[in-house]
Amino acid sequence: MAQYSRLEVVKVMQETGVVPLFFESDVTIAKKVLKSCYDGGARLLEFTSRGDFAFEVFNELIKYSIDELPGMILGVGSVTDAAAASLYMQMGANFIVTPVFREDIAIACNRRKVLWSPGCGSLTEIAKAEELGCEIVKLFPGSIYGPEFVKAIKGPQPWTSIMPTGGVSPTKESLEKWFNSGVTCVGMGSKLIMKNDSGNYDFEGIESTTKQVMKWIKDLRK
């Protein structure tokens, strides 16, 4: 069962402005990545359900988070059907992110009052998602649409909250373009959850970059 209500999750997304996301099959390594993001100031993390037995890894991560990382809100991404969403919510997922818009997932999440953020690529999809109770829409892939698309959406629908994922870089220039266009928060994967030349996670780099990203976002909102 989720520890945080969907409105609490929305508030933290609005306040921090960034949702790191990654998948890792090794539980021990996944915990270190999560801890690096947490030490960097992130209070949300999307664990993407992209590998075999991903649910087992998430099960360990959520327990670790509850025991060791107070205030950390864990959710699950890359969810493509209601059954998977229900499974992760039973494990304690505090939000569900999908690559596409699916009404069955909306119903499953709304039934439990868990935040869901569907991947949308048109104003029609966004409006339909909001009619079904979506608080923050995922713009995916963000690299295809870009900040200008967000500006266009916010014109007729200034109430729409958008989280682009894909196409967002941990640089001041990239963040400035997205936040000036009106996004609520951004999702960042491999460009934030970085690896070194040996293919291993750079835990110190993840922590320091997360801190810098959050500082830039805070400055942009002044």
Protein backbone atom coordinates (compact mmCIF):
# COMPACT_ATOMS: atom_id res chain seq x y z
CA MET A 1 0.00 0.00 0.00
CA ALA A 2 1.27 3.46 -0.89
CA GLN A 3 2.66 5.53 1.99
CA TYR A 4 1.94 8.83 0.27
CA SER A 5 -1.30 10.12 -1.20
CA ARG A 6 -1.32 11.25 -4.80
CA LEU A 7 -1.62 14.88 -3.72
CA GLU A 8 1.43 14.48 -1.49
CA VAL A 9 3.34 13.02 -4.43
CA VAL A 10 2.21 15.87 -6.70
CA LYS A 11 3.42 18.41 -4.13
CA VAL A 12 6.89 16.86 -3.96
CA MET A 13 7.09 16.66 -7.75
CA GLN A 14 6.22 20.35 -7.92
CA GLU A 15 8.67 21.30 -5.18
CA THR A 16 11.73 19.31 -6.28
CA GLY A 17 11.16 19.54 -10.03
CA VAL A 18 13.02 16.35 -10.95
CA VAL A 19 12.24 12.63 -10.97
CA PRO A 20 15.31 10.41 -11.50
CA LEU A 21 14.55 7.10 -13.18
CA PHE A 22 16.47 3.89 -13.82
CA PHE A 23 16.40 0.10 -13.93
CA GLU A 24 18.96 -2.19 -12.37
CA SER A 25 18.60 -5.93 -11.84
CA ASP A 26 21.17 -6.16 -9.04
CA VAL A 27 19.46 -5.22 -5.78
CA THR A 28 22.66 -4.18 -4.02
CA ILE A 29 23.64 -1.83 -6.84
CA ALA A 30 20.09 -0.51 -7.15
CA LYS A 31 20.13 0.44 -3.47
CA LYS A 32 23.36 2.38 -3.98
CA VAL A 33 21.88 4.27 -6.92
CA LEU A 34 18.80 5.11 -4.87
CA LYS A 35 20.98 6.27 -1.96
CA SER A 36 23.06 8.47 -4.28
CA CYS A 37 19.93 10.19 -5.58
CA TYR A 38 18.64 10.60 -2.03
CA ASP A 39 21.93 12.07 -0.78
CA GLY A 40 21.81 14.44 -3.73
CA GLY A 41 18.48 15.79 -2.50
CA ALA A 42 16.02 13.89 -4.69
CA ARG A 43 12.87 12.82 -2.86
CA LEU A 44 11.25 10.95 -5.73
CA LEU A 45 12.53 8.11 -7.85
CA GLU A 46 10.96 6.11 -10.64
CA PHE A 47 12.15 2.51 -10.85
CA THR A 48 11.47 1.41 -14.41
CA SER A 49 9.94 -2.03 -14.86
CA ARG A 50 12.05 -3.02 -17.84
CA GLY A 51 13.73 -6.29 -16.94
CA ASP A 52 12.97 -9.82 -15.80
CA PHE A 53 11.96 -10.03 -12.14
CA ALA A 54 11.89 -6.24 -11.87
CA PHE A 55 9.12 -6.56 -9.31
CA GLU A 56 11.46 -8.51 -7.01
CA VAL A 57 14.07 -5.74 -7.15
CA PHE A 58 11.43 -3.09 -6.47
CA ASN A 59 10.13 -5.08 -3.53
CA GLU A 60 13.55 -4.87 -1.89
CA LEU A 61 14.03 -1.21 -2.84
CA ILE A 62 10.75 -0.08 -1.30
CA LYS A 63 11.55 -1.88 1.97
CA TYR A 64 15.02 -0.33 2.02
CA SER A 65 13.56 3.10 1.32
CA ILE A 66 11.04 2.85 4.13
CA ASP A 67 13.66 1.66 6.62
CA GLU A 68 16.65 3.79 5.63
CA LEU A 69 15.58 6.79 3.54
CA PRO A 70 12.87 8.82 5.28
CA GLY A 71 10.83 10.98 2.93
CA MET A 72 11.89 9.15 -0.23
CA ILE A 73 8.91 8.49 -2.51
CA LEU A 74 9.35 5.47 -4.77
CA GLY A 75 7.24 4.80 -7.82
CA VAL A 76 7.37 2.52 -10.84
CA GLY A 77 7.64 3.40 -14.52
CA SER A 78 7.34 1.60 -17.86
CA VAL A 79 4.11 -0.02 -16.65
CA THR A 80 2.00 -1.15 -19.60
CA ASP A 81 -1.06 -2.86 -18.12
CA ALA A 82 -3.38 -2.68 -15.13
CA ALA A 83 -2.26 -6.04 -13.72
CA ALA A 84 1.34 -4.86 -13.42
CA ALA A 85 0.19 -1.56 -11.92
CA SER A 86 -1.87 -3.42 -9.32
CA LEU A 87 1.06 -5.69 -8.44
CA TYR A 88 3.40 -2.75 -7.87
CA MET A 89 0.80 -0.84 -5.86
CA GLN A 90 0.37 -3.88 -3.61
CA MET A 91 4.12 -3.69 -3.02
CA GLY A 92 3.82 -0.05 -2.00
CA ALA A 93 4.46 1.93 -5.18
CA ASN A 94 3.55 5.55 -4.51
CA PHE A 95 3.04 6.46 -8.16
CA ILE A 96 2.76 4.73 -11.52
CA VAL A 97 4.24 6.07 -14.75
CA THR A 98 3.38 4.64 -18.16
CA PRO A 99 4.92 5.09 -21.63
CA VAL A 100 1.43 5.27 -23.17
CA PHE A 101 -2.07 6.38 -22.22
CA ARG A 102 -4.15 3.43 -20.99
CA GLU A 103 -7.55 3.77 -19.39
CA ASP A 104 -7.30 0.43 -17.56
CA ILE A 105 -4.26 1.67 -15.65
CA ALA A 106 -6.06 4.92 -14.83
CA ILE A 107 -8.96 2.99 -13.32
CA ALA A 108 -6.68 0.70 -11.29
CA CYS A 109 -4.68 3.62 -9.87
CA ASN A 110 -7.70 5.84 -9.21
CA ARG A 111 -9.35 3.01 -7.31
CA ARG A 112 -6.43 3.11 -4.86
CA LYS A 113 -5.97 6.90 -5.06
CA VAL A 114 -2.42 6.45 -6.35
CA LEU A 115 -0.90 9.04 -8.67
CA TRP A 116 -0.56 7.88 -12.27
CA SER A 117 1.28 9.72 -15.00
CA PRO A 118 0.57 8.47 -18.54
CA GLY A 119 2.79 9.05 -21.52
CA CYS A 120 0.93 11.37 -23.89
CA GLY A 121 1.88 12.90 -27.22
CA SER A 122 -1.11 15.03 -28.23
CA LEU A 123 -3.46 17.56 -26.74
CA THR A 124 -6.32 15.09 -27.21
CA GLU A 125 -4.51 12.42 -25.18
CA ILE A 126 -3.63 14.94 -22.50
CA ALA A 127 -7.22 16.16 -22.21
CA LYS A 128 -8.52 12.59 -22.01
CA ALA A 129 -5.98 11.73 -19.30
CA GLU A 130 -7.02 14.76 -17.28
CA GLU A 131 -10.69 13.79 -17.63
CA LEU A 132 -9.71 10.49 -16.00
CA GLY A 133 -8.05 12.26 -13.07
CA CYS A 134 -4.44 12.63 -14.18
CA GLU A 135 -2.61 15.29 -12.14
CA ILE A 136 0.71 15.37 -14.02
CA VAL A 137 1.00 14.24 -17.63
CA LYS A 138 4.18 12.59 -18.86
CA LEU A 139 5.33 14.01 -22.20
CA PHE A 140 7.08 11.11 -23.89
CA PRO A 141 9.41 11.00 -25.62
CA GLY A 142 10.30 14.56 -24.70
CA SER A 143 13.08 14.69 -27.29
CA ILE A 144 10.52 14.38 -30.09
CA TYR A 145 8.26 17.20 -28.90
CA GLY A 146 10.56 19.66 -27.12
CA PRO A 147 9.89 22.79 -25.03
CA GLU A 148 7.97 24.52 -27.84
CA PHE A 149 5.34 21.78 -27.71
CA VAL A 150 4.88 22.44 -23.99
CA LYS A 151 4.40 26.15 -24.67
CA ALA A 152 1.79 25.32 -27.28
CA ILE A 153 -0.11 23.07 -24.86
CA LYS A 154 0.01 25.59 -22.01
CA GLY A 155 -1.60 28.22 -24.25
CA PRO A 156 -5.12 26.74 -24.40
CA GLN A 157 -4.63 24.66 -21.23
CA PRO A 158 -2.60 26.64 -18.68
CA TRP A 159 -3.84 24.31 -15.94
CA THR A 160 -2.07 21.29 -17.44
CA SER A 161 0.95 19.99 -15.52
CA ILE A 162 3.58 18.38 -17.71
CA MET A 163 6.61 16.18 -16.97
CA PRO A 164 8.81 15.60 -20.04
CA THR A 165 10.91 12.43 -19.95
CA GLY A 166 13.57 11.79 -22.54
CA GLY A 167 15.35 14.73 -24.09
CA VAL A 168 16.11 16.45 -20.78
CA SER A 169 19.79 16.91 -19.94
CA PRO A 170 21.35 17.75 -16.56
CA THR A 171 22.60 21.09 -17.84
CA LYS A 172 21.54 24.61 -16.99
CA GLU A 173 20.72 25.33 -20.64
CA SER A 174 18.45 22.29 -21.06
CA LEU A 175 16.63 22.87 -17.78
CA GLU A 176 16.18 26.55 -18.56
CA LYS A 177 14.46 25.76 -21.87
CA TRP A 178 12.10 23.22 -20.32
CA PHE A 179 11.16 25.16 -17.20
CA ASN A 180 10.74 28.42 -19.08
CA SER A 181 8.28 26.58 -21.32
CA GLY A 182 6.12 25.82 -18.28
CA VAL A 183 6.87 22.24 -17.22
CA THR A 184 6.06 21.20 -13.67
CA CYS A 185 8.95 18.77 -13.35
CA VAL A 186 11.26 16.67 -15.52
CA GLY A 187 12.16 13.00 -15.62
CA MET A 188 15.80 12.10 -16.16
CA GLY A 189 17.30 8.68 -16.76
CA SER A 190 20.74 7.73 -18.02
CA LYS A 191 21.93 11.32 -18.37
CA LEU A 192 21.52 11.71 -14.60
CA ILE A 193 21.97 8.11 -13.44
CA MET A 194 25.35 8.03 -15.14
CA LYS A 195 27.95 5.33 -15.61
CA ASN A 196 31.72 5.65 -15.95
CA ASP A 197 33.90 4.44 -18.82
CA SER A 198 33.99 0.97 -17.28
CA GLY A 199 30.22 0.69 -17.44
CA ASN A 200 29.76 0.97 -13.69
CA TYR A 201 27.53 3.50 -11.96
CA ASP A 202 29.28 6.68 -10.87
CA PHE A 203 27.65 7.00 -7.47
CA GLU A 204 29.49 10.19 -6.50
CA GLY A 205 28.70 11.69 -9.88
CA ILE A 206 25.01 10.82 -9.51
CA GLU A 207 24.89 12.50 -6.11
CA SER A 208 26.72 15.68 -7.16
CA THR A 209 24.81 16.04 -10.43
CA THR A 210 21.49 15.58 -8.63
CA LYS A 211 22.44 18.35 -6.22
CA GLN A 212 23.41 20.66 -9.07
CA VAL A 213 20.24 19.93 -11.05
CA MET A 214 18.06 20.70 -8.05
CA LYS A 215 19.94 23.96 -7.43
CA TRP A 216 19.50 25.05 -11.05
CA ILE A 217 15.79 24.27 -10.91
CA LYS A 218 15.41 26.22 -7.68
CA ASP A 219 17.23 29.21 -9.19
CA LEU A 220 15.10 29.09 -12.35
CA ARG A 221 11.94 29.31 -10.28
CA LYS A 222 12.97 32.44 -8.39
